[in-house]
Amino acid sequence: MSENRAPERYFYHSFPRRPQTQGHGHGLTILELIRDFGFLMTPEIARWQYSHADGTPPRRQSMVQRRISFTELAPDELAGHAKDFGPFALEFDIDSLKRLGAIPVFYVPQAGEGRDAGGLGGTLMIHLIDAMRLTDRIAQMEAILAGAPSDRVRQGITIPVDAGPVLFDLDVKEARETLRAISLGLAPARQLAAFLEGGLNYFYPADGRNNAALQYYRQREWRVAGNVAVCDEEMMHVPSAALIDRLLVLDADFLTGRFLLPVKSPPTHPFTACLRSASSIGAGCFTNSTASVLSIGYGA
């Protein structure tokens, strides 16, 4: 290696964080599931807040993120990483990871105790979440107005807010024209809302972690998050009940506790976790890439 050449580094997905038995049986079972169905994308709640200048209680927002993480390491760092994150690791070079749609995580500092600019990151995140909810609200209004009968003059629309739902009585024709003017020449509001929601999976607090190992590795993380379409083919689809049952056998406490996955499958509650697995990607879109993605997320 020349003096000017950077050392080789790769991206690793390590498991299992929660060994169930002595030996490697649990890890081997996970490896079989990855081979047969793809990776497991797990949900986590990210919480954000920013303080008001007048000293009133801070505004808080939270969002469920669905993602799978990969950590950038040199090969000689892997043994130390395995002590905290599991003895099994799958290695990817940067080009392979990019083809899977991975993006570096944006780590955002949270506000401290002082009256300084430390809260800028939290303010940014609150406003990004507001932008997502605004575009989603516009999309819902467009759908409601589009479904209104042709002879309807006025339409009631309920907007949910923290203080409780608020009902608006809108003139159908004027509201349609207003929304058309707002979105003219732009991507559809539903599409914008989906992209903003997906993009928010790549932001995470840079502080507040009580795990020293996580704190050390936090600036080296890339993620695959959300469902995307490549060459008009979605990477993920809802798996079978049989697959859900296999996962429950693997670690029922983890799945039914943290992710609210029901013991009986398929899921029935609208806010329970929803399992998705990746479809095969055409060779014309992803060459030399056979990896797939399996996700657990809060689905509708």
Protein backbone atom coordinates (compact mmCIF):
# COMPACT_ATOMS: atom_id res chain seq x y z
CA MET A 1 0.00 0.00 0.00
CA SER A 2 1.41 3.39 -0.99
CA GLU A 3 1.71 6.14 1.58
CA ASN A 4 -0.98 8.19 -0.18
CA ARG A 5 -3.52 5.37 -0.43
CA ALA A 6 -6.28 5.22 2.16
CA PRO A 7 -6.64 1.93 4.04
CA GLU A 8 -9.29 -0.48 2.76
CA ARG A 9 -12.64 -0.09 4.46
CA TYR A 10 -15.89 -2.00 4.02
CA PHE A 11 -19.43 -1.89 5.34
CA TYR A 12 -20.63 -4.57 7.73
CA HIS A 13 -24.02 -5.73 8.94
CA SER A 14 -23.41 -7.59 12.20
CA PHE A 15 -25.70 -9.93 14.16
CA PRO A 16 -27.10 -11.18 16.48
CA ARG A 17 -27.16 -8.45 19.12
CA ARG A 18 -29.36 -10.67 21.32
CA PRO A 19 -27.89 -14.19 21.54
CA GLN A 20 -30.54 -16.65 22.74
CA THR A 21 -28.37 -19.65 23.54
CA GLN A 22 -24.75 -20.58 23.92
CA GLY A 23 -22.97 -21.24 20.64
CA HIS A 24 -23.85 -19.96 17.20
CA GLY A 25 -27.22 -21.62 16.55
CA HIS A 26 -29.17 -18.36 16.82
CA GLY A 27 -26.84 -16.55 14.45
CA LEU A 28 -26.92 -19.41 11.96
CA THR A 29 -30.72 -19.32 11.94
CA ILE A 30 -30.66 -15.59 11.21
CA LEU A 31 -28.15 -16.21 8.43
CA GLU A 32 -30.50 -18.78 6.89
CA LEU A 33 -33.38 -16.28 6.98
CA ILE A 34 -31.21 -13.64 5.31
CA ARG A 35 -30.26 -16.18 2.65
CA ASP A 36 -33.87 -17.19 2.02
CA PHE A 37 -35.74 -13.90 2.50
CA GLY A 38 -33.32 -10.98 2.85
CA PHE A 39 -32.38 -8.53 5.56
CA LEU A 40 -34.51 -7.47 8.50
CA MET A 41 -35.41 -3.78 8.60
CA THR A 42 -36.38 -2.85 12.15
CA PRO A 43 -38.37 0.14 13.41
CA GLU A 44 -37.10 2.57 16.01
CA ILE A 45 -38.67 5.75 17.35
CA ALA A 46 -36.56 8.89 16.88
CA ARG A 47 -37.57 11.80 19.11
CA TRP A 48 -36.84 15.46 18.49
CA GLN A 49 -37.52 18.69 20.32
CA TYR A 50 -36.63 22.37 20.32
CA SER A 51 -37.05 25.01 22.99
CA HIS A 52 -38.94 28.26 22.59
CA ALA A 53 -37.19 31.56 23.15
CA ASP A 54 -39.82 32.64 25.69
CA GLY A 55 -39.12 29.67 27.94
CA THR A 56 -42.39 27.84 27.31
CA PRO A 57 -42.20 24.03 27.24
CA PRO A 58 -40.29 22.71 24.21
CA ARG A 59 -42.12 21.41 21.17
CA ARG A 60 -41.64 17.67 20.68
CA GLN A 61 -42.07 15.40 17.67
CA SER A 62 -41.39 11.71 17.17
CA MET A 63 -41.23 9.45 14.15
CA VAL A 64 -40.99 5.72 13.58
CA GLN A 65 -37.95 4.93 11.42
CA ARG A 66 -37.67 1.69 9.45
CA ARG A 67 -34.13 0.84 8.43
CA ILE A 68 -31.24 -1.59 8.27
CA SER A 69 -27.82 -0.30 9.28
CA PHE A 70 -24.31 -0.95 7.95
CA THR A 71 -21.14 0.20 9.71
CA GLU A 72 -17.98 1.33 7.94
CA LEU A 73 -14.94 -0.49 9.31
CA ALA A 74 -11.45 -1.59 8.40
CA PRO A 75 -11.22 -5.42 8.43
CA ASP A 76 -8.91 -5.37 11.45
CA GLU A 77 -11.58 -3.45 13.41
CA LEU A 78 -14.24 -6.12 12.90
CA ALA A 79 -13.25 -8.32 15.86
CA GLY A 80 -13.70 -5.45 18.31
CA HIS A 81 -16.99 -4.48 16.71
CA ALA A 82 -18.25 -8.07 17.01
CA LYS A 83 -17.96 -7.99 20.81
CA ASP A 84 -20.88 -5.56 20.99
CA PHE A 85 -22.83 -6.19 17.79
CA GLY A 86 -22.61 -9.94 17.21
CA PRO A 87 -20.14 -12.55 15.93
CA PHE A 88 -21.65 -12.81 12.43
CA ALA A 89 -21.04 -10.07 9.84
CA LEU A 90 -21.86 -9.62 6.18
CA GLU A 91 -19.38 -7.49 4.25
CA PHE A 92 -20.21 -5.07 1.42
CA ASP A 93 -18.03 -2.83 -0.67
CA ILE A 94 -19.24 0.72 -1.20
CA ASP A 95 -20.49 0.15 -4.76
CA SER A 96 -22.64 -2.84 -3.72
CA LEU A 97 -24.12 -0.86 -0.85
CA LYS A 98 -24.94 2.07 -3.12
CA ARG A 99 -26.77 -0.27 -5.50
CA LEU A 100 -28.97 -1.30 -2.58
CA GLY A 101 -29.92 2.35 -2.09
CA ALA A 102 -27.90 2.90 1.09
CA ILE A 103 -27.27 6.50 2.18
CA PRO A 104 -25.05 7.82 5.00
CA VAL A 105 -26.94 8.72 8.15
CA PHE A 106 -27.19 12.40 9.08
CA TYR A 107 -26.44 12.69 12.79
CA VAL A 108 -28.09 15.77 14.25
CA PRO A 109 -27.04 17.30 17.61
CA GLN A 110 -29.75 17.83 20.19
CA ALA A 111 -30.08 20.99 22.27
CA GLY A 112 -28.12 21.25 25.49
CA GLU A 113 -28.92 23.18 28.64
CA GLY A 114 -27.43 26.50 27.57
CA ARG A 115 -29.06 29.32 25.61
CA ASP A 116 -26.98 28.94 22.46
CA ALA A 117 -27.24 27.59 18.90
CA GLY A 118 -27.05 23.97 20.04
CA GLY A 119 -30.76 23.50 19.38
CA LEU A 120 -30.51 24.24 15.65
CA GLY A 121 -30.55 20.56 14.73
CA GLY A 122 -33.75 19.86 16.67
CA THR A 123 -35.42 22.87 15.08
CA LEU A 124 -34.41 21.58 11.64
CA MET A 125 -35.93 18.16 12.33
CA ILE A 126 -39.19 19.53 13.72
CA HIS A 127 -39.63 21.65 10.60
CA LEU A 128 -38.82 18.72 8.28
CA ILE A 129 -41.47 16.64 10.04
CA ASP A 130 -43.90 19.56 9.68
CA ALA A 131 -43.11 19.70 5.94
CA MET A 132 -43.88 15.98 5.64
CA ARG A 133 -47.18 16.38 7.49
CA LEU A 134 -48.09 19.46 5.45
CA THR A 135 -47.64 17.65 2.12
CA ASP A 136 -49.50 14.64 3.50
CA ARG A 137 -52.35 16.93 4.61
CA ILE A 138 -52.53 18.47 1.13
CA ALA A 139 -52.60 15.01 -0.43
CA GLN A 140 -55.46 13.92 1.84
CA MET A 141 -57.42 17.08 1.03
CA GLU A 142 -56.91 16.48 -2.69
CA ALA A 143 -58.24 12.94 -2.33
CA ILE A 144 -61.29 14.02 -0.34
CA LEU A 145 -62.17 16.80 -2.77
CA ALA A 146 -61.59 14.57 -5.78
CA GLY A 147 -64.07 12.08 -4.36
CA ALA A 148 -66.77 14.67 -3.63
CA PRO A 149 -69.96 14.37 -5.74
CA SER A 150 -70.03 16.71 -8.77
CA ASP A 151 -73.02 18.62 -7.38
CA ARG A 152 -71.56 19.19 -3.91
CA VAL A 153 -70.88 22.84 -3.15
CA ARG A 154 -69.25 22.58 0.26
CA GLN A 155 -67.16 19.84 1.87
CA GLY A 156 -66.20 19.31 5.49
CA ILE A 157 -62.59 18.30 6.12
CA THR A 158 -61.23 17.38 9.56
CA ILE A 159 -57.60 18.20 10.35
CA PRO A 160 -56.07 16.31 13.31
CA VAL A 161 -53.76 18.35 15.58
CA ASP A 162 -52.35 17.80 19.06
CA ALA A 163 -55.11 19.82 20.71
CA GLY A 164 -57.79 17.76 18.95
CA PRO A 165 -59.39 17.53 15.50
CA VAL A 166 -60.50 20.75 13.81
CA LEU A 167 -63.32 20.76 11.24
CA PHE A 168 -63.13 23.07 8.21
CA ASP A 169 -66.09 23.80 5.94
CA LEU A 170 -64.63 24.42 2.44
CA ASP A 171 -66.06 25.60 -0.83
CA VAL A 172 -65.33 22.62 -3.09
CA LYS A 173 -64.60 24.55 -6.30
CA GLU A 174 -62.40 27.17 -4.61
CA ALA A 175 -60.53 24.58 -2.57
CA ARG A 176 -59.80 22.49 -5.67
CA GLU A 177 -58.45 25.53 -7.52
CA THR A 178 -56.34 26.58 -4.55
CA LEU A 179 -54.75 23.14 -4.25
CA ARG A 180 -54.19 23.00 -8.02
CA ALA A 181 -52.39 26.37 -7.86
CA ILE A 182 -50.23 25.23 -4.92
CA SER A 183 -49.08 22.04 -6.67
CA LEU A 184 -48.84 23.35 -10.23
CA GLY A 185 -45.58 22.27 -11.88
CA LEU A 186 -44.46 20.27 -8.81
CA ALA A 187 -44.37 16.61 -7.94
CA PRO A 188 -47.73 15.35 -6.59
CA ALA A 189 -48.28 16.01 -2.89
CA ARG A 190 -48.66 12.30 -2.12
CA GLN A 191 -45.30 11.60 -3.71
CA LEU A 192 -43.63 14.48 -1.87
CA ALA A 193 -45.03 13.25 1.46
CA ALA A 194 -43.73 9.74 0.81
CA PHE A 195 -40.25 10.99 -0.09
CA LEU A 196 -40.08 13.24 2.96
CA GLU A 197 -41.16 10.38 5.21
CA GLY A 198 -38.54 8.11 3.64
CA GLY A 199 -35.84 10.77 3.90
CA LEU A 200 -36.49 11.28 7.59
CA ASN A 201 -35.31 7.70 8.17
CA TYR A 202 -31.76 8.91 7.52
CA PHE A 203 -31.65 11.43 10.39
CA TYR A 204 -30.77 10.40 13.93
CA PRO A 205 -29.76 12.17 17.16
CA ALA A 206 -25.99 12.54 17.47
CA ASP A 207 -26.12 12.42 21.25
CA GLY A 208 -28.09 10.93 24.08
CA ARG A 209 -27.06 7.34 23.46
CA ASN A 210 -26.16 5.57 26.67
CA ASN A 211 -24.19 2.84 24.87
CA ALA A 212 -20.50 3.70 24.46
CA ALA A 213 -20.08 1.36 21.48
CA LEU A 214 -23.03 2.88 19.65
CA GLN A 215 -21.67 6.34 20.37
CA TYR A 216 -18.29 5.39 18.89
CA TYR A 217 -19.72 3.94 15.67
CA ARG A 218 -22.51 6.45 15.12
CA GLN A 219 -20.61 8.53 12.54
CA ARG A 220 -19.87 5.50 10.34
CA GLU A 221 -23.41 4.33 9.66
CA TRP A 222 -25.18 3.96 6.31
CA ARG A 223 -28.80 2.84 6.02
CA VAL A 224 -31.24 1.27 3.62
CA ALA A 225 -34.65 2.63 4.57
CA GLY A 226 -38.15 2.45 3.15
CA ASN A 227 -39.52 0.92 -0.03
CA VAL A 228 -38.33 2.14 -3.42
CA ALA A 229 -39.08 1.14 -7.00
CA VAL A 230 -36.23 0.36 -9.40
CA CYS A 231 -37.12 0.13 -13.08
CA ASP A 232 -40.80 0.20 -12.05
CA GLU A 233 -40.33 -2.77 -9.69
CA GLU A 234 -40.70 -2.31 -5.94
CA MET A 235 -37.90 -3.76 -3.83
CA MET A 236 -40.24 -4.92 -1.06
CA HIS A 237 -43.50 -6.79 -0.72
CA VAL A 238 -45.59 -8.21 2.10
CA PRO A 239 -44.39 -11.73 3.02
CA SER A 240 -46.37 -14.80 3.85
CA ALA A 241 -47.80 -15.73 7.24
CA ALA A 242 -45.43 -18.71 7.23
CA LEU A 243 -42.43 -16.38 7.22
CA ILE A 244 -43.87 -14.36 10.11
CA ASP A 245 -44.27 -17.59 12.06
CA ARG A 246 -40.62 -18.49 11.43
CA LEU A 247 -39.51 -15.13 12.78
CA LEU A 248 -41.68 -15.55 15.87
CA VAL A 249 -40.06 -18.91 16.56
CA LEU A 250 -36.65 -17.25 16.20
CA ASP A 251 -37.28 -14.47 18.76
CA ALA A 252 -40.89 -13.97 19.83
CA ASP A 253 -40.05 -11.71 22.79
CA PHE A 254 -38.14 -9.28 20.58
CA LEU A 255 -40.75 -9.14 17.83
CA THR A 256 -43.93 -9.12 19.90
CA GLY A 257 -42.51 -6.74 22.51
CA ARG A 258 -40.52 -4.07 20.75
CA PHE A 259 -42.29 -4.18 17.38
CA LEU A 260 -45.84 -5.00 18.51
CA LEU A 261 -45.96 -7.93 16.11
CA PRO A 262 -49.01 -10.05 17.00
CA VAL A 263 -48.43 -13.64 18.00
CA LYS A 264 -51.08 -14.75 15.52
CA SER A 265 -50.37 -14.02 11.87
CA PRO A 266 -51.15 -12.35 9.57
CA PRO A 267 -51.30 -8.95 11.33
CA THR A 268 -54.78 -7.50 11.75
CA HIS A 269 -54.38 -4.35 13.84
CA PRO A 270 -53.77 -1.27 11.66
CA PHE A 271 -50.89 -0.07 13.85
CA THR A 272 -49.10 -3.36 14.40
CA ALA A 273 -45.85 -4.19 12.67
CA CYS A 274 -46.00 -5.20 9.04
CA LEU A 275 -43.43 -7.50 7.50
CA ARG A 276 -42.09 -6.92 4.01
CA SER A 277 -39.53 -8.82 1.95
CA ALA A 278 -37.71 -7.81 -1.18
CA SER A 279 -38.61 -8.91 -4.66
CA SER A 280 -35.82 -9.83 -7.05
CA ILE A 281 -34.29 -6.92 -8.90
CA GLY A 282 -33.83 -7.20 -12.64
CA ALA A 283 -30.27 -7.64 -13.87
CA GLY A 284 -30.70 -4.66 -16.16
CA CYS A 285 -31.17 -2.43 -13.12
CA PHE A 286 -28.80 -3.87 -10.50
CA THR A 287 -25.91 -5.79 -12.02
CA ASN A 288 -23.93 -8.15 -9.79
CA SER A 289 -26.33 -7.58 -6.90
CA THR A 290 -28.37 -10.39 -5.37
CA ALA A 291 -29.07 -8.88 -1.96
CA SER A 292 -32.66 -8.40 -0.89
CA VAL A 293 -34.38 -6.66 1.99
CA LEU A 294 -36.85 -7.89 4.58
CA SER A 295 -38.44 -5.24 6.74
CA ILE A 296 -40.55 -4.91 9.83
CA GLY A 297 -42.43 -1.65 9.94
CA TYR A 298 -45.57 -0.07 11.31
CA GLY A 299 -47.92 -0.56 8.40
CA ALA A 300 -51.44 0.50 7.59
